[in-house]
Structure formats: C-alpha cells, structure tokens
N, C-alpha and C. Protein backbone atom coordinates (compact mmCIF):
# COMPACT_ATOMS: atom_id res chain seq x y z
N MET A 1 -1.67 7.84 22.41
CA MET A 1 -2.10 7.20 23.59
C MET A 1 -1.98 8.39 24.90
N GLY A 2 -1.72 9.69 24.63
CA GLY A 2 -2.00 10.62 25.50
C GLY A 2 -0.85 10.57 26.20
N VAL A 3 0.29 9.76 26.19
CA VAL A 3 1.06 9.44 27.66
C VAL A 3 2.45 9.96 27.19
N LEU A 4 2.72 10.18 25.76
CA LEU A 4 4.05 10.92 25.39
C LEU A 4 3.52 11.62 24.65
N PRO A 5 4.51 12.89 24.20
CA PRO A 5 3.96 13.92 23.01
C PRO A 5 4.68 13.61 21.54
N PRO A 6 3.98 14.00 20.98
CA PRO A 6 4.22 12.98 19.46
C PRO A 6 5.88 13.38 18.95
N PHE A 7 6.05 12.31 18.57
CA PHE A 7 7.90 12.29 18.37
C PHE A 7 8.02 13.55 17.25
N GLY A 8 9.37 14.21 17.52
CA GLY A 8 9.37 15.06 16.52
C GLY A 8 8.85 16.63 17.10
N SER A 9 7.93 16.41 18.24
CA SER A 9 7.59 17.92 18.14
C SER A 9 8.46 18.39 18.99
N ASN A 10 9.27 18.54 19.46
CA ASN A 10 10.72 19.24 20.04
C ASN A 10 9.43 20.06 21.46
N SER A 11 8.82 19.48 21.75
CA SER A 11 8.01 20.06 23.12
C SER A 11 9.08 19.79 24.48
N ASP A 12 8.70 20.78 25.14
CA ASP A 12 9.51 20.60 26.53
C ASP A 12 9.06 19.33 27.11
N ALA A 13 8.46 19.12 26.92
CA ALA A 13 7.94 17.38 27.61
C ALA A 13 8.59 16.47 26.66
N GLU A 14 8.90 16.37 25.84
CA GLU A 14 9.35 15.63 24.99
C GLU A 14 11.24 15.43 25.13
N GLY A 15 11.28 16.84 25.29
CA GLY A 15 12.95 17.31 25.85
C GLY A 15 13.25 16.52 27.18
N LYS A 16 12.43 16.59 28.03
CA LYS A 16 12.49 16.05 29.60
C LYS A 16 12.08 14.48 29.69
N ILE A 17 11.80 13.85 29.06
CA ILE A 17 11.40 12.41 28.54
C ILE A 17 12.54 11.63 28.04
N LEU A 18 13.60 12.52 26.86
CA LEU A 18 14.40 11.89 26.25
C LEU A 18 15.55 12.31 27.27
N ALA A 19 15.75 13.56 27.96
CA ALA A 19 16.99 13.58 28.70
C ALA A 19 16.80 12.34 29.77
N LEU A 20 15.45 12.08 30.38
CA LEU A 20 15.57 10.94 31.76
C LEU A 20 15.77 9.44 31.03
N ALA A 21 15.13 8.80 29.86
CA ALA A 21 15.29 7.97 29.31
C ALA A 21 15.60 8.13 27.58
N PRO A 22 17.41 8.52 27.55
CA PRO A 22 17.35 8.89 26.04
C PRO A 22 17.41 7.13 25.33
N GLN A 23 17.34 6.26 25.71
CA GLN A 23 17.21 5.12 25.02
C GLN A 23 16.09 4.85 24.33
N LEU A 24 15.23 5.32 24.74
CA LEU A 24 14.16 5.55 23.76
C LEU A 24 14.04 6.06 22.21
N LEU A 25 14.99 6.71 22.25
CA LEU A 25 15.35 7.03 20.67
C LEU A 25 15.60 5.86 19.82
N ARG A 26 16.26 4.86 20.67
CA ARG A 26 16.70 3.70 19.99
C ARG A 26 15.82 2.36 19.79
N LEU A 27 14.68 2.63 20.91
CA LEU A 27 13.87 1.33 20.87
C LEU A 27 12.86 1.15 19.76
N GLU A 28 12.14 0.67 19.55
CA GLU A 28 10.93 -0.15 18.40
C GLU A 28 9.97 0.80 18.77
N THR A 29 9.10 1.46 17.87
CA THR A 29 8.09 2.06 18.75
C THR A 29 7.13 0.99 19.23
N ASP A 30 7.37 -0.02 18.34
CA ASP A 30 6.10 -1.24 18.92
C ASP A 30 6.26 -1.54 20.31
N GLN A 31 7.40 -1.79 20.34
CA GLN A 31 7.99 -2.05 21.65
C GLN A 31 7.59 -0.97 23.11
N VAL A 32 7.64 0.40 22.83
CA VAL A 32 7.54 0.92 23.56
C VAL A 32 6.24 1.24 23.94
N GLY A 33 5.29 1.10 22.48
CA GLY A 33 3.61 1.25 22.25
C GLY A 33 3.08 -0.09 23.34
N ALA A 34 3.67 -1.24 23.47
CA ALA A 34 3.21 -2.41 24.20
C ALA A 34 3.34 -1.87 25.95
N THR A 35 4.78 -1.26 25.83
CA THR A 35 4.79 -1.30 27.19
C THR A 35 3.93 0.14 27.84
N VAL A 36 3.74 0.63 27.29
CA VAL A 36 2.74 1.55 27.53
C VAL A 36 1.31 1.26 27.95
N LYS A 37 1.03 0.54 26.79
CA LYS A 37 -0.16 -0.30 26.91
C LYS A 37 0.08 -1.43 28.62
N THR A 38 0.49 -2.04 28.63
CA THR A 38 1.06 -2.80 29.58
C THR A 38 1.01 -2.14 31.10
N LEU A 39 1.72 -0.76 31.30
CA LEU A 39 1.57 -0.04 32.29
C LEU A 39 0.34 0.40 32.61
N LEU A 40 -0.56 1.30 31.39
CA LEU A 40 -1.69 1.61 31.99
C LEU A 40 -2.90 0.22 31.99
N ASP A 41 -2.79 -0.94 31.37
CA ASP A 41 -3.73 -1.70 31.69
C ASP A 41 -3.66 -2.29 33.28
N ALA A 42 -2.48 -1.99 33.63
CA ALA A 42 -1.83 -2.23 34.91
C ALA A 42 -2.02 -1.44 36.16
N GLY A 43 -3.01 -0.17 35.50
CA GLY A 43 -3.51 0.69 36.17
C GLY A 43 -2.60 1.92 37.09
N ILE A 44 -1.39 1.92 36.44
CA ILE A 44 -0.40 2.79 36.27
C ILE A 44 -1.11 4.15 35.90
N PRO A 45 -1.33 5.27 36.37
CA PRO A 45 -1.64 6.63 35.97
C PRO A 45 -0.51 6.69 34.87
N ALA A 46 -1.24 7.68 33.72
CA ALA A 46 -0.25 8.25 32.86
C ALA A 46 0.66 9.14 33.60
N HIS A 47 0.34 10.09 34.36
CA HIS A 47 1.19 11.11 34.82
C HIS A 47 2.68 10.50 35.55
N PHE A 48 1.98 9.18 36.25
CA PHE A 48 3.20 8.59 36.43
C PHE A 48 3.88 7.96 35.28
N VAL A 49 3.99 7.68 34.30
CA VAL A 49 4.49 7.02 33.54
C VAL A 49 5.67 8.38 32.91
N GLN A 50 4.86 9.57 32.48
CA GLN A 50 5.44 10.73 32.55
C GLN A 50 6.52 11.01 33.24
N SER A 51 6.27 11.15 34.50
CA SER A 51 7.31 11.26 35.26
C SER A 51 8.51 10.44 35.68
N ASP A 52 8.32 8.89 35.12
CA ASP A 52 9.15 8.26 35.50
C ASP A 52 9.75 7.48 34.00
N PRO A 53 10.08 8.07 32.90
CA PRO A 53 9.89 7.37 31.64
C PRO A 53 10.94 6.10 31.22
N LYS A 54 11.56 6.31 32.42
CA LYS A 54 12.65 5.02 32.14
C LYS A 54 11.80 3.62 31.96
N LEU A 55 10.61 4.09 32.66
CA LEU A 55 9.65 2.74 32.59
C LEU A 55 9.31 2.42 31.51
N LEU A 56 8.97 3.26 30.04
CA LEU A 56 9.03 3.00 28.81
C LEU A 56 10.31 1.98 28.05
N THR A 57 11.33 1.94 29.11
CA THR A 57 12.63 1.52 28.30
C THR A 57 12.12 -0.19 28.51
N PHE A 58 11.46 -0.42 29.49
CA PHE A 58 11.65 -2.03 29.91
C PHE A 58 10.76 -3.02 28.98
N PRO A 59 11.00 -4.00 28.27
CA PRO A 59 9.77 -4.72 27.66
C PRO A 59 8.75 -5.10 28.83
N CYS A 60 7.31 -5.33 28.38
CA CYS A 60 6.14 -5.22 28.66
C CYS A 60 6.24 -6.45 30.01
N THR A 61 7.01 -7.51 29.68
CA THR A 61 7.15 -8.70 30.65
C THR A 61 7.77 -7.98 31.71
N HIS A 62 8.76 -7.52 31.77
CA HIS A 62 9.26 -6.99 33.01
C HIS A 62 8.61 -6.00 34.01
N ILE A 63 7.11 -5.32 32.89
CA ILE A 63 6.81 -4.39 34.14
C ILE A 63 5.56 -5.42 34.66
N GLU A 64 5.25 -6.73 34.31
CA GLU A 64 4.54 -7.41 35.06
C GLU A 64 5.33 -8.07 36.01
N GLY A 65 6.27 -8.76 35.75
CA GLY A 65 7.00 -9.13 36.62
C GLY A 65 7.58 -8.36 37.90
N GLY A 66 7.59 -6.90 37.74
CA GLY A 66 7.93 -5.57 38.59
C GLY A 66 6.82 -5.59 39.24
N LEU A 67 5.48 -5.51 39.06
CA LEU A 67 4.16 -5.66 39.55
C LEU A 67 4.29 -6.66 40.74
N GLU A 68 4.43 -8.10 40.26
CA GLU A 68 4.50 -9.14 41.02
C GLU A 68 5.72 -8.81 42.48
N PHE A 69 6.39 -9.00 41.56
CA PHE A 69 7.75 -8.76 42.72
C PHE A 69 7.47 -7.75 43.98
N LEU A 70 6.62 -6.56 43.51
CA LEU A 70 6.88 -6.14 44.33
C LEU A 70 5.37 -6.10 45.07
N GLY A 71 4.61 -6.83 44.77
CA GLY A 71 3.45 -7.40 45.48
C GLY A 71 3.94 -8.41 46.63
N THR A 72 5.04 -9.49 46.02
CA THR A 72 5.17 -9.78 47.19
C THR A 72 6.30 -9.83 47.91
N MET A 73 7.01 -8.54 48.02
CA MET A 73 7.97 -8.10 48.62
C MET A 73 7.22 -7.11 49.69
N MET A 74 6.33 -6.44 49.48
CA MET A 74 5.23 -5.61 50.12
C MET A 74 4.39 -6.45 50.89
N MET A 75 4.03 -7.61 50.31
CA MET A 75 2.75 -8.61 51.00
C MET A 75 1.56 -7.76 50.93
N MET A 76 1.02 -7.13 49.46
CA MET A 76 -0.05 -6.48 49.38
C MET A 76 -0.85 -6.77 47.84
N PRO A 77 -2.11 -6.61 48.34
CA PRO A 77 -2.50 -6.88 46.56
C PRO A 77 -2.07 -6.10 45.58
N ARG A 78 -2.24 -6.21 44.32
CA ARG A 78 -1.90 -5.39 43.14
C ARG A 78 -2.22 -3.81 42.84
N ASP A 79 -3.38 -3.59 43.54
CA ASP A 79 -4.02 -2.36 43.80
C ASP A 79 -3.33 -1.59 44.73
N ALA A 80 -2.99 -2.07 45.52
CA ALA A 80 -2.01 -1.43 46.62
C ALA A 80 -0.97 -1.22 46.36
N VAL A 81 -0.22 -2.03 45.23
CA VAL A 81 1.10 -1.65 44.74
C VAL A 81 1.07 -0.49 44.23
N VAL A 82 -0.25 -0.52 43.45
CA VAL A 82 -0.06 0.41 42.11
C VAL A 82 -0.50 1.88 42.59
N LYS A 83 -0.93 1.76 43.93
CA LYS A 83 -1.12 3.17 44.56
C LYS A 83 -0.06 3.47 45.31
N ALA A 84 1.14 2.21 46.09
CA ALA A 84 2.08 2.91 46.71
C ALA A 84 3.10 3.36 45.50
N CYS A 85 3.11 2.75 44.41
CA CYS A 85 4.02 3.07 43.24
C CYS A 85 3.84 4.84 42.89
N GLY A 86 2.32 4.94 42.75
CA GLY A 86 2.16 6.24 42.32
C GLY A 86 2.52 7.53 43.61
N SER A 87 3.03 7.10 44.76
CA SER A 87 3.10 7.80 45.82
C SER A 87 4.38 8.34 46.08
N THR A 88 5.65 7.05 45.89
CA THR A 88 6.66 6.80 46.36
C THR A 88 7.70 6.90 44.66
N PRO A 89 8.13 8.07 44.13
CA PRO A 89 8.98 8.09 43.16
C PRO A 89 10.38 7.00 43.23
N GLY A 90 10.70 6.41 41.82
CA GLY A 90 11.43 5.28 42.05
C GLY A 90 11.03 3.81 42.52
N LEU A 91 9.90 3.64 42.95
CA LEU A 91 9.53 2.55 43.97
C LEU A 91 9.11 1.32 42.59
N PHE A 92 8.59 1.62 41.76
CA PHE A 92 8.38 0.69 40.83
C PHE A 92 9.23 0.41 39.71
N ASN A 93 10.24 1.59 39.37
CA ASN A 93 11.33 1.48 38.88
C ASN A 93 12.15 0.48 39.15
N GLY A 94 12.50 0.26 40.77
CA GLY A 94 13.51 -0.37 41.61
C GLY A 94 12.61 -2.01 41.81
N ALA A 95 11.43 -2.02 41.61
CA ALA A 95 11.06 -2.95 41.75
C ALA A 95 11.02 -4.02 40.08
N VAL A 96 11.14 -3.73 38.86
CA VAL A 96 11.36 -3.80 38.11
C VAL A 96 12.64 -4.35 37.74
N GLU A 97 13.44 -3.44 38.32
CA GLU A 97 15.06 -4.02 38.68
C GLU A 97 15.74 -5.43 39.36
N GLY A 98 14.58 -5.15 40.77
CA GLY A 98 14.84 -5.95 41.43
C GLY A 98 13.98 -7.68 40.94
N TRP A 99 13.10 -7.46 40.06
CA TRP A 99 12.82 -8.35 39.36
C TRP A 99 13.61 -9.00 38.14
N MET A 100 14.24 -8.35 37.42
CA MET A 100 15.51 -8.73 36.48
C MET A 100 16.26 -9.32 37.11
N GLN A 101 16.79 -8.89 38.63
CA GLN A 101 17.88 -9.29 39.27
C GLN A 101 17.56 -10.57 39.19
N GLU A 102 16.03 -10.95 40.28
CA GLU A 102 15.51 -12.38 40.40
C GLU A 102 15.68 -13.37 39.90
N GLN A 103 15.85 -13.04 38.29
CA GLN A 103 15.17 -13.70 37.09
C GLN A 103 16.91 -14.32 36.88
N ALA A 104 17.84 -13.09 36.88
CA ALA A 104 19.13 -13.76 36.82
C ALA A 104 19.76 -14.84 37.70
N VAL A 105 19.01 -14.34 39.15
CA VAL A 105 19.61 -15.26 39.73
C VAL A 105 18.89 -16.65 39.64
N LYS A 106 18.04 -16.78 38.99
CA LYS A 106 17.21 -17.92 39.31
C LYS A 106 17.68 -18.99 37.58
N ARG A 107 18.14 -17.97 36.75
CA ARG A 107 18.79 -18.61 35.79
C ARG A 107 20.42 -19.03 35.62
N ALA A 108 20.91 -18.50 37.06
CA ALA A 108 22.01 -18.85 37.03
C ALA A 108 22.37 -19.91 37.93
N LEU A 109 21.48 -19.93 38.81
CA LEU A 109 21.13 -21.04 39.80
C LEU A 109 20.94 -22.62 39.37
N GLY A 110 19.77 -22.44 38.31
CA GLY A 110 19.68 -23.67 37.39
C GLY A 110 20.50 -23.93 36.27
N GLU A 111 21.84 -22.93 35.91
CA GLU A 111 22.75 -23.21 35.01
C GLU A 111 24.01 -24.13 35.86
N ALA A 112 23.68 -23.77 37.23
CA ALA A 112 25.07 -24.33 38.48
C ALA A 112 24.21 -25.60 38.08
N GLY A 113 23.24 -26.01 38.58
CA GLY A 113 22.55 -26.91 39.15
C GLY A 113 22.39 -28.35 37.63
N ASP A 114 22.23 -27.61 36.68
CA ASP A 114 22.45 -28.64 35.52
C ASP A 114 23.83 -28.90 35.33
N ALA A 115 24.94 -27.94 35.49
CA ALA A 115 26.14 -28.36 35.28
C ALA A 115 26.76 -29.44 36.77
N THR A 116 26.16 -28.95 37.90
CA THR A 116 26.77 -30.08 38.95
C THR A 116 25.93 -31.54 38.32
N ASP A 117 24.54 -31.18 38.34
CA ASP A 117 24.52 -32.80 37.73
C ASP A 117 24.58 -33.24 36.49
N GLY A 118 25.24 -32.62 35.73
CA GLY A 118 26.20 -33.09 34.35
C GLY A 118 27.75 -33.75 35.14
N ALA A 119 27.96 -33.29 35.57
CA ALA A 119 29.60 -33.57 36.39
C ALA A 119 28.87 -34.67 37.53
N ASN A 120 28.36 -34.92 38.25
CA ASN A 120 28.08 -35.92 38.85
C ASN A 120 27.46 -37.30 37.81
N ARG A 121 27.16 -37.22 36.98
CA ARG A 121 26.68 -38.24 36.54
C ARG A 121 28.30 -38.94 35.68
N ARG A 122 28.90 -38.17 34.98
CA ARG A 122 30.12 -38.05 34.57
C ARG A 122 31.17 -38.79 35.44
N ILE A 123 31.18 -38.62 36.86
CA ILE A 123 31.72 -39.10 37.24
C ILE A 123 31.31 -40.42 37.96
N ALA A 124 30.41 -40.78 38.34
CA ALA A 124 29.43 -41.98 38.25
C ALA A 124 30.21 -42.61 37.01
N GLY A 125 29.70 -42.21 35.91
CA GLY A 125 30.30 -42.85 34.91
C GLY A 125 31.27 -43.31 34.59
N ASP A 126 32.49 -42.75 35.10
CA ASP A 126 33.49 -42.86 35.32
C ASP A 126 33.97 -43.76 36.41
N VAL A 127 33.77 -43.64 37.25
CA VAL A 127 33.89 -44.76 38.23
C VAL A 127 33.52 -46.42 37.79
N ALA A 128 31.91 -46.13 37.61
CA ALA A 128 31.33 -47.80 36.65
C ALA A 128 32.48 -48.23 35.45
N GLN A 129 33.01 -47.36 34.90
CA GLN A 129 33.52 -48.18 33.73
C GLN A 129 35.27 -48.31 34.58
N GLY A 130 35.48 -47.57 35.51
CA GLY A 130 37.04 -48.00 36.21
C GLY A 130 36.82 -49.77 36.79
N LEU A 131 35.71 -49.43 37.18
CA LEU A 131 35.08 -50.83 37.99
C LEU A 131 35.04 -51.92 37.16
N ARG A 132 34.68 -51.44 35.91
CA ARG A 132 33.89 -52.61 34.84
C ARG A 132 35.79 -53.10 34.56
N SER A 133 36.55 -52.17 33.98
CA SER A 133 37.94 -52.48 33.53
C SER A 133 38.58 -53.15 34.46
N LEU A 134 38.79 -53.02 35.94
CA LEU A 134 39.21 -53.88 36.88
C LEU A 134 38.77 -55.52 37.27
N LYS A 135 37.21 -55.63 36.66
CA LYS A 135 36.60 -56.59 36.54
C LYS A 135 36.00 -56.78 38.38
N LEU A 136 35.89 -55.54 38.83
CA LEU A 136 35.41 -55.70 40.48
C LEU A 136 34.27 -55.72 40.44
N ARG A 137 33.88 -56.82 41.53
CA ARG A 137 32.42 -56.94 41.56
C ARG A 137 31.81 -55.89 43.20
N PRO A 138 31.11 -55.56 43.66
CA PRO A 138 30.68 -55.66 44.72
C PRO A 138 31.03 -56.68 45.92
N PRO A 139 30.92 -56.43 47.04
CA PRO A 139 31.52 -57.36 48.16
C PRO A 139 30.01 -58.37 48.08
N GLY A 140 30.39 -59.68 48.42
CA GLY A 140 29.09 -60.56 48.34
C GLY A 140 28.74 -61.05 46.88
N MET A 141 29.31 -60.54 45.85
CA MET A 141 29.32 -61.04 44.77
C MET A 141 29.77 -61.42 43.75
N ASP A 142 31.12 -61.84 44.15
CA ASP A 142 32.44 -61.87 43.71
C ASP A 142 32.63 -64.14 43.03
N ASN A 143 31.40 -64.46 43.93
CA ASN A 143 31.27 -65.85 43.36
C ASN A 143 30.49 -66.20 42.24
N LEU A 144 29.35 -65.08 41.94
CA LEU A 144 28.27 -65.16 41.05
C LEU A 144 28.84 -65.64 39.58
N GLY A 145 28.43 -66.57 38.74
CA GLY A 145 28.73 -66.33 37.43
C GLY A 145 30.21 -66.85 37.08
N ARG A 146 31.38 -67.39 38.53
CA ARG A 146 32.28 -67.86 37.76
C ARG A 146 32.36 -69.35 38.29
C-alpha cells in the first residue's frame, strides 16, 4: 500500500514506526491493513499516517468514529477536518481517543439506565405484592366486591 515499509526490512522507517507504535507487532496484519485502507479512503494522506503510526493500532471503526467526533467538535465538514488533522500533529489521534471515551460513557449511561429501570420495576413489584398480601385496596375501592 506504500504506507508502511516491508515487514522485516530492518529499515530506519520500520524502526521509527515500531518505536512509536510497538503494539503493531502483535496486531493482525488484516486489521492493520483494514485500518490503513480506511485512513486512506477517508482522505488521510500516507505521510500523515507514517508520521503518526499509532493511528494504525486503532480498529477501522474507530477511525470513522474519530472523524465524526472531530467534525462535530469543530463544527466543520469532513474534508476540512482531514486538512486540519494534516496540519496539527496529534489532533486526529486525540479525536479517536475522544470518540472512544464518548462511546464508553454512552455504554455506562445505558447500563446505569437499565439498572435503574430494573430496580424501579422490582420496587414496584415488591410494593404491589406487599399490598396484595395485606389485602389493601386503594381509597374508595374498599367496598367493591365484598
């Protein structure tokens, strides 16, 4: 793809990339390839990917999420976001990490809402069962059916 030097080439470029993103050694080649394709398809220049190889460690879905996140935060169209990333080192990396944090908060809030809903249902069920066991009826309904 022209973004990375051939693996095992022992070139200076390979050494620099691995020094900045050593986790690339343990990632599946297909995952890194998909991320490279996503970055290039999104308009991120190859030289930008080479200068910030940590981007290659993210799954491709995170790349799209980072672009969306940054576009929202900057209130800019996608092409302007890509240009801004090219001129500001670390901006896109921060955007991907910001998107990941946003997703974690969404999941946590969803789980908290589900737990609260479940607790409310249990409480309502316990109260209803307690009232039935006491054979209590709401006010005004005392004489019905007796």
